[in-house]
Protein backbone atom coordinates (compact mmCIF):
# COMPACT_ATOMS: atom_id res chain seq x y z
CA UNK A 1 -42.27 -152.26 -125.29
CA UNK A 2 -40.53 -152.13 -128.76
CA UNK A 3 -37.13 -150.23 -128.41
CA UNK A 4 -37.87 -146.96 -130.53
CA UNK A 5 -34.89 -144.60 -131.83
CA UNK A 6 -36.42 -141.16 -131.10
CA UNK A 7 -36.59 -139.39 -134.74
CA UNK A 8 -34.72 -136.39 -135.46
CA UNK A 9 -36.15 -133.10 -137.06
CA UNK A 10 -34.62 -132.56 -140.29
CA UNK A 11 -31.92 -129.50 -140.30
CA UNK A 12 -32.65 -126.41 -142.35
CA UNK A 13 -29.32 -125.72 -144.79
CA UNK A 14 -28.05 -122.40 -146.31
CA UNK A 15 -26.10 -121.83 -149.20
CA UNK A 16 -22.81 -119.54 -149.42
CA UNK A 17 -25.10 -117.41 -151.30
CA UNK A 18 -27.76 -117.08 -148.52
CA UNK A 19 -24.85 -116.73 -145.53
CA UNK A 20 -23.44 -113.77 -147.83
CA UNK A 21 -27.14 -112.22 -147.63
CA UNK A 22 -28.00 -113.10 -144.28
CA UNK A 23 -24.20 -111.67 -143.13
CA UNK A 24 -23.38 -108.83 -145.32
CA UNK A 25 -20.10 -109.96 -146.06
CA UNK A 26 -18.27 -111.28 -149.43
CA UNK A 27 -18.88 -114.63 -150.73
CA UNK A 28 -14.90 -114.96 -150.56
CA UNK A 29 -14.90 -114.37 -146.99
CA UNK A 30 -17.88 -117.09 -146.47
CA UNK A 31 -15.52 -119.54 -148.83
CA UNK A 32 -12.37 -118.90 -146.59
CA UNK A 33 -14.39 -119.39 -143.49
CA UNK A 34 -15.62 -122.96 -145.17
CA UNK A 35 -11.89 -124.02 -146.53
CA UNK A 36 -10.36 -122.96 -143.08
CA UNK A 37 -12.74 -125.00 -140.90
CA UNK A 38 -14.07 -122.30 -138.84
CA UNK A 39 -17.67 -122.82 -140.65
CA UNK A 40 -18.38 -126.39 -140.81
CA UNK A 41 -20.11 -127.37 -144.29
CA UNK A 42 -21.06 -130.31 -146.06
CA UNK A 43 -20.12 -130.75 -149.78
CA UNK A 44 -23.31 -131.86 -151.80
CA UNK A 45 -21.53 -131.94 -155.64
CA UNK A 46 -22.72 -134.62 -157.35
CA UNK A 47 -19.28 -135.89 -157.95
CA UNK A 48 -16.32 -135.91 -155.73
CA UNK A 49 -14.29 -134.19 -158.42
CA UNK A 50 -17.03 -131.38 -159.37
CA UNK A 51 -16.99 -127.97 -157.86
CA UNK A 52 -17.65 -127.65 -154.80
CA UNK A 53 -21.55 -126.99 -153.89
CA UNK A 54 -21.26 -126.58 -149.82
CA UNK A 55 -24.79 -126.18 -147.14
CA UNK A 56 -24.17 -125.25 -143.94
CA UNK A 57 -26.73 -126.39 -141.30
CA UNK A 58 -28.58 -124.04 -138.87
CA UNK A 59 -26.95 -125.88 -136.14
CA UNK A 60 -23.42 -124.65 -137.35
CA UNK A 61 -24.49 -121.23 -138.15
CA UNK A 62 -25.69 -120.86 -134.85
CA UNK A 63 -22.12 -122.07 -133.41
CA UNK A 64 -20.41 -119.71 -135.45
CA UNK A 65 -22.18 -116.62 -134.83
CA UNK A 66 -22.02 -117.57 -131.13
CA UNK A 67 -18.12 -117.55 -131.15
CA UNK A 68 -17.32 -114.52 -133.20
CA UNK A 69 -20.25 -112.63 -131.08
CA UNK A 70 -19.02 -109.19 -129.56
CA UNK A 71 -19.49 -108.79 -126.26
CA UNK A 72 -20.65 -105.47 -125.06
CA UNK A 73 -18.68 -104.25 -121.99
CA UNK A 74 -20.18 -100.85 -121.58
CA UNK A 75 -19.03 -97.61 -121.51
CA UNK A 76 -15.64 -97.49 -122.54
CA UNK A 77 -12.97 -95.26 -120.62
CA UNK A 78 -9.92 -93.53 -121.61
CA UNK A 79 -6.99 -93.24 -119.09
CA UNK A 80 -9.26 -93.98 -116.81
CA UNK A 81 -11.66 -91.71 -116.81
CA UNK A 82 -15.17 -92.12 -117.84
């Protein structure tokens, strides 16, 4: 039996503009996350000295959203009174 590598399913990529629409934030905010490394992206610009043309994979989006998820802690109490 031949040793076969299992093919990976192609990953879906999103542009920063699509993420702006998805999350309802400014384009500058998405750029900040990419530039800081908080949101991992690839640069698909045709030349290394060209304006960056970023794409973010769906797996990275899922990890980013998971890290930033706000957990529900139930009803809040003030001064120990619920």
